[in-house]
C-alpha atoms as a PDB file:
ATOM      1  CA  UNK A   1     -41.038 -50.586  -1.257  1.00  0.00           C
ATOM      2  CA  UNK A   2     -38.579 -53.291  -2.273  1.00  0.00           C
ATOM      3  CA  UNK A   3     -36.573 -52.962  -5.482  1.00  0.00           C
ATOM      4  CA  UNK A   4     -37.767 -55.315  -8.180  1.00  0.00           C
ATOM      5  CA  UNK A   5     -35.161 -56.919 -10.428  1.00  0.00           C
ATOM      6  CA  UNK A   6     -36.137 -58.488 -13.741  1.00  0.00           C
ATOM      7  CA  UNK A   7     -34.017 -60.784 -15.896  1.00  0.00           C
ATOM      8  CA  UNK A   8     -35.143 -59.111 -19.129  1.00  0.00           C
ATOM      9  CA  UNK A   9     -36.600 -55.731 -20.059  1.00  0.00           C
ATOM     10  CA  UNK A  10     -40.226 -55.174 -19.060  1.00  0.00           C
ATOM     11  CA  UNK A  11     -42.909 -53.272 -20.958  1.00  0.00           C
ATOM     12  CA  UNK A  12     -45.005 -50.958 -18.782  1.00  0.00           C
ATOM     13  CA  UNK A  13     -48.298 -49.672 -20.166  1.00  0.00           C
ATOM     14  CA  UNK A  14     -49.461 -46.591 -18.278  1.00  0.00           C
ATOM     15  CA  UNK A  15     -51.919 -43.725 -18.493  1.00  0.00           C
ATOM     16  CA  UNK A  16     -50.788 -40.176 -19.304  1.00  0.00           C
ATOM     17  CA  UNK A  17     -50.701 -39.359 -15.582  1.00  0.00           C
ATOM     18  CA  UNK A  18     -47.576 -41.518 -15.242  1.00  0.00           C
ATOM     19  CA  UNK A  19     -45.677 -39.851 -18.092  1.00  0.00           C
ATOM     20  CA  UNK A  20     -43.371 -37.972 -15.742  1.00  0.00           C
ATOM     21  CA  UNK A  21     -39.623 -37.731 -15.311  1.00  0.00           C
ATOM     22  CA  UNK A  22     -39.643 -39.282 -11.828  1.00  0.00           C
ATOM     23  CA  UNK A  23     -41.280 -42.470 -13.114  1.00  0.00           C
ATOM     24  CA  UNK A  24     -39.776 -42.745 -16.588  1.00  0.00           C
ATOM     25  CA  UNK A  25     -36.082 -41.993 -15.991  1.00  0.00           C
ATOM     26  CA  UNK A  26     -35.391 -44.880 -13.555  1.00  0.00           C
ATOM     27  CA  UNK A  27     -37.278 -47.345 -15.760  1.00  0.00           C
ATOM     28  CA  UNK A  28     -35.454 -46.294 -18.921  1.00  0.00           C
ATOM     29  CA  UNK A  29     -32.120 -46.364 -17.089  1.00  0.00           C
ATOM     30  CA  UNK A  30     -32.704 -50.053 -16.248  1.00  0.00           C
ATOM     31  CA  UNK A  31     -33.510 -50.848 -19.890  1.00  0.00           C
ATOM     32  CA  UNK A  32     -37.277 -51.169 -19.547  1.00  0.00           C
ATOM     33  CA  UNK A  33     -39.823 -49.835 -22.049  1.00  0.00           C
ATOM     34  CA  UNK A  34     -42.802 -47.598 -21.314  1.00  0.00           C
ATOM     35  CA  UNK A  35     -45.898 -47.241 -23.489  1.00  0.00           C
ATOM     36  CA  UNK A  36     -47.977 -44.259 -22.447  1.00  0.00           C
ATOM     37  CA  UNK A  37     -50.269 -41.604 -23.796  1.00  0.00           C
ATOM     38  CA  UNK A  38     -49.228 -37.962 -23.811  1.00  0.00           C
ATOM     39  CA  UNK A  39     -51.357 -34.863 -23.605  1.00  0.00           C
ATOM     40  CA  UNK A  40     -52.735 -33.289 -26.759  1.00  0.00           C
ATOM     41  CA  UNK A  41     -50.661 -30.165 -26.074  1.00  0.00           C
ATOM     42  CA  UNK A  42     -47.359 -32.055 -25.674  1.00  0.00           C
ATOM     43  CA  UNK A  43     -44.289 -30.896 -27.569  1.00  0.00           C
ATOM     44  CA  UNK A  44     -41.013 -32.577 -28.420  1.00  0.00           C
ATOM     45  CA  UNK A  45     -37.868 -31.423 -30.179  1.00  0.00           C
ATOM     46  CA  UNK A  46     -36.065 -32.512 -33.319  1.00  0.00           C
ATOM     47  CA  UNK A  47     -32.427 -33.465 -33.137  1.00  0.00           C
ATOM     48  CA  UNK A  48     -30.158 -30.414 -33.163  1.00  0.00           C
ATOM     49  CA  UNK A  49     -28.330 -29.773 -36.428  1.00  0.00           C
ATOM     50  CA  UNK A  50     -24.686 -30.780 -36.388  1.00  0.00           C
ATOM     51  CA  UNK A  51     -22.196 -28.010 -35.758  1.00  0.00           C
ATOM     52  CA  UNK A  52     -20.271 -26.664 -38.707  1.00  0.00           C
ATOM     53  CA  UNK A  53     -18.064 -24.333 -36.669  1.00  0.00           C
ATOM     54  CA  UNK A  54     -16.450 -25.150 -33.381  1.00  0.00           C
ATOM     55  CA  UNK A  55     -17.826 -22.945 -30.616  1.00  0.00           C
ATOM     56  CA  UNK A  56     -17.368 -22.670 -26.905  1.00  0.00           C
ATOM     57  CA  UNK A  57     -19.712 -24.517 -24.618  1.00  0.00           C
ATOM     58  CA  UNK A  58     -21.672 -27.714 -24.850  1.00  0.00           C
ATOM     59  CA  UNK A  59     -23.215 -28.615 -28.192  1.00  0.00           C
ATOM     60  CA  UNK A  60     -26.950 -28.116 -28.615  1.00  0.00           C
ATOM     61  CA  UNK A  61     -29.033 -31.165 -27.850  1.00  0.00           C
ATOM     62  CA  UNK A  62     -32.426 -29.951 -29.022  1.00  0.00           C
ATOM     63  CA  UNK A  63     -33.466 -28.627 -32.420  1.00  0.00           C
ATOM     64  CA  UNK A  64     -36.760 -27.150 -33.531  1.00  0.00           C
ATOM     65  CA  UNK A  65     -39.983 -27.602 -31.553  1.00  0.00           C
ATOM     66  CA  UNK A  66     -42.519 -30.123 -32.867  1.00  0.00           C
ATOM     67  CA  UNK A  67     -46.086 -30.068 -31.614  1.00  0.00           C
ATOM     68  CA  UNK A  68     -47.035 -33.740 -31.396  1.00  0.00           C
ATOM     69  CA  UNK A  69     -50.592 -33.114 -32.529  1.00  0.00           C
ATOM     70  CA  UNK A  70     -49.144 -31.870 -35.845  1.00  0.00           C
ATOM     71  CA  UNK A  71     -48.079 -35.449 -36.670  1.00  0.00           C
ATOM     72  CA  UNK A  72     -51.674 -35.963 -37.843  1.00  0.00           C
ATOM     73  CA  UNK A  73     -51.539 -33.010 -40.281  1.00  0.00           C
ATOM     74  CA  UNK A  74     -49.869 -34.860 -43.165  1.00  0.00           C
ATOM     75  CA  UNK A  75     -52.002 -37.889 -44.170  1.00  0.00           C
ATOM     76  CA  UNK A  76     -49.483 -38.957 -46.838  1.00  0.00           C
ATOM     77  CA  UNK A  77     -46.827 -39.546 -44.150  1.00  0.00           C
ATOM     78  CA  UNK A  78     -49.019 -42.064 -42.322  1.00  0.00           C
ATOM     79  CA  UNK A  79     -48.862 -45.824 -42.861  1.00  0.00           C
ATOM     80  CA  UNK A  80     -51.702 -48.344 -42.647  1.00  0.00           C
ATOM     81  CA  UNK A  81     -51.947 -51.570 -40.679  1.00  0.00           C
ATOM     82  CA  UNK A  82     -54.725 -53.968 -39.746  1.00  0.00           C
ATOM     83  CA  UNK A  83     -56.049 -53.500 -36.230  1.00  0.00           C
ATOM     84  CA  UNK A  84     -54.534 -55.989 -33.760  1.00  0.00           C
ATOM     85  CA  UNK A  85     -57.498 -55.637 -31.378  1.00  0.00           C
ATOM     86  CA  UNK A  86     -59.734 -58.660 -30.923  1.00  0.00           C
ATOM     87  CA  UNK A  87     -63.099 -58.188 -32.608  1.00  0.00           C
ATOM     88  CA  UNK A  88     -61.964 -55.434 -34.982  1.00  0.00           C
ATOM     89  CA  UNK A  89     -61.839 -57.447 -38.194  1.00  0.00           C
ATOM     90  CA  UNK A  90     -61.469 -55.638 -41.513  1.00  0.00           C
ATOM     91  CA  UNK A  91     -60.457 -52.446 -39.722  1.00  0.00           C
ATOM     92  CA  UNK A  92     -57.244 -50.662 -40.604  1.00  0.00           C
ATOM     93  CA  UNK A  93     -55.453 -48.069 -38.513  1.00  0.00           C
ATOM     94  CA  UNK A  94     -53.295 -45.240 -39.780  1.00  0.00           C
ATOM     95  CA  UNK A  95     -50.141 -44.482 -37.837  1.00  0.00           C
ATOM     96  CA  UNK A  96     -46.946 -42.469 -37.957  1.00  0.00           C
ATOM     97  CA  UNK A  97     -43.783 -43.078 -35.959  1.00  0.00           C
ATOM     98  CA  UNK A  98     -41.208 -40.353 -35.230  1.00  0.00           C
ATOM     99  CA  UNK A  99     -38.140 -40.283 -32.975  1.00  0.00           C
ATOM    100  CA  UNK A 100     -37.844 -36.971 -31.135  1.00  0.00           C
ATOM    101  CA  UNK A 101     -36.252 -35.627 -27.965  1.00  0.00           C
ATOM    102  CA  UNK A 102     -38.674 -35.185 -25.098  1.00  0.00           C
ATOM    103  CA  UNK A 103     -37.390 -32.639 -22.588  1.00  0.00           C
ATOM    104  CA  UNK A 104     -39.561 -34.076 -19.848  1.00  0.00           C
ATOM    105  CA  UNK A 105     -37.421 -37.229 -19.931  1.00  0.00           C
ATOM    106  CA  UNK A 106     -34.269 -35.808 -21.507  1.00  0.00           C
ATOM    107  CA  UNK A 107     -33.723 -38.626 -24.003  1.00  0.00           C
ATOM    108  CA  UNK A 108     -34.732 -39.636 -27.512  1.00  0.00           C
ATOM    109  CA  UNK A 109     -38.274 -41.077 -27.493  1.00  0.00           C
ATOM    110  CA  UNK A 110     -40.277 -42.827 -30.204  1.00  0.00           C
ATOM    111  CA  UNK A 111     -43.685 -41.191 -30.585  1.00  0.00           C
ATOM    112  CA  UNK A 112     -46.401 -43.101 -32.440  1.00  0.00           C
ATOM    113  CA  UNK A 113     -49.483 -41.183 -33.574  1.00  0.00           C
ATOM    114  CA  UNK A 114     -52.406 -43.569 -34.233  1.00  0.00           C
ATOM    115  CA  UNK A 115     -55.587 -42.602 -36.069  1.00  0.00           C
ATOM    116  CA  UNK A 116     -58.406 -45.050 -35.310  1.00  0.00           C
ATOM    117  CA  UNK A 117     -61.338 -44.693 -37.759  1.00  0.00           C
ATOM    118  CA  UNK A 118     -64.096 -45.114 -35.145  1.00  0.00           C
ATOM    119  CA  UNK A 119     -62.460 -44.159 -31.833  1.00  0.00           C
ATOM    120  CA  UNK A 120     -60.554 -41.101 -32.980  1.00  0.00           C
END
């Protein structure tokens, strides 16, 4: 397969099957963006707290575990926006955006939890 070179970053929209390290790391390294769904059981990690004392070894990269499904637990933290989908007039979506570390990829990832009133 030939290497494809693009002049500007590309957005790839993929199913959850493609949310793997072998696909995502090379794309992110080249500056591209990936929009994908993750499993309901997926977890990510908060940023590690900054060190107060100097210790031996590498600093911690990951903080506490966050179950991504728990982003829906706090309705007051969600924002509202009109649906951008054609044919869904007068429909508003609730969403929440959080930046967390995803060990599967090894970098900081923006997770967006979307609550659609009719599709779930």
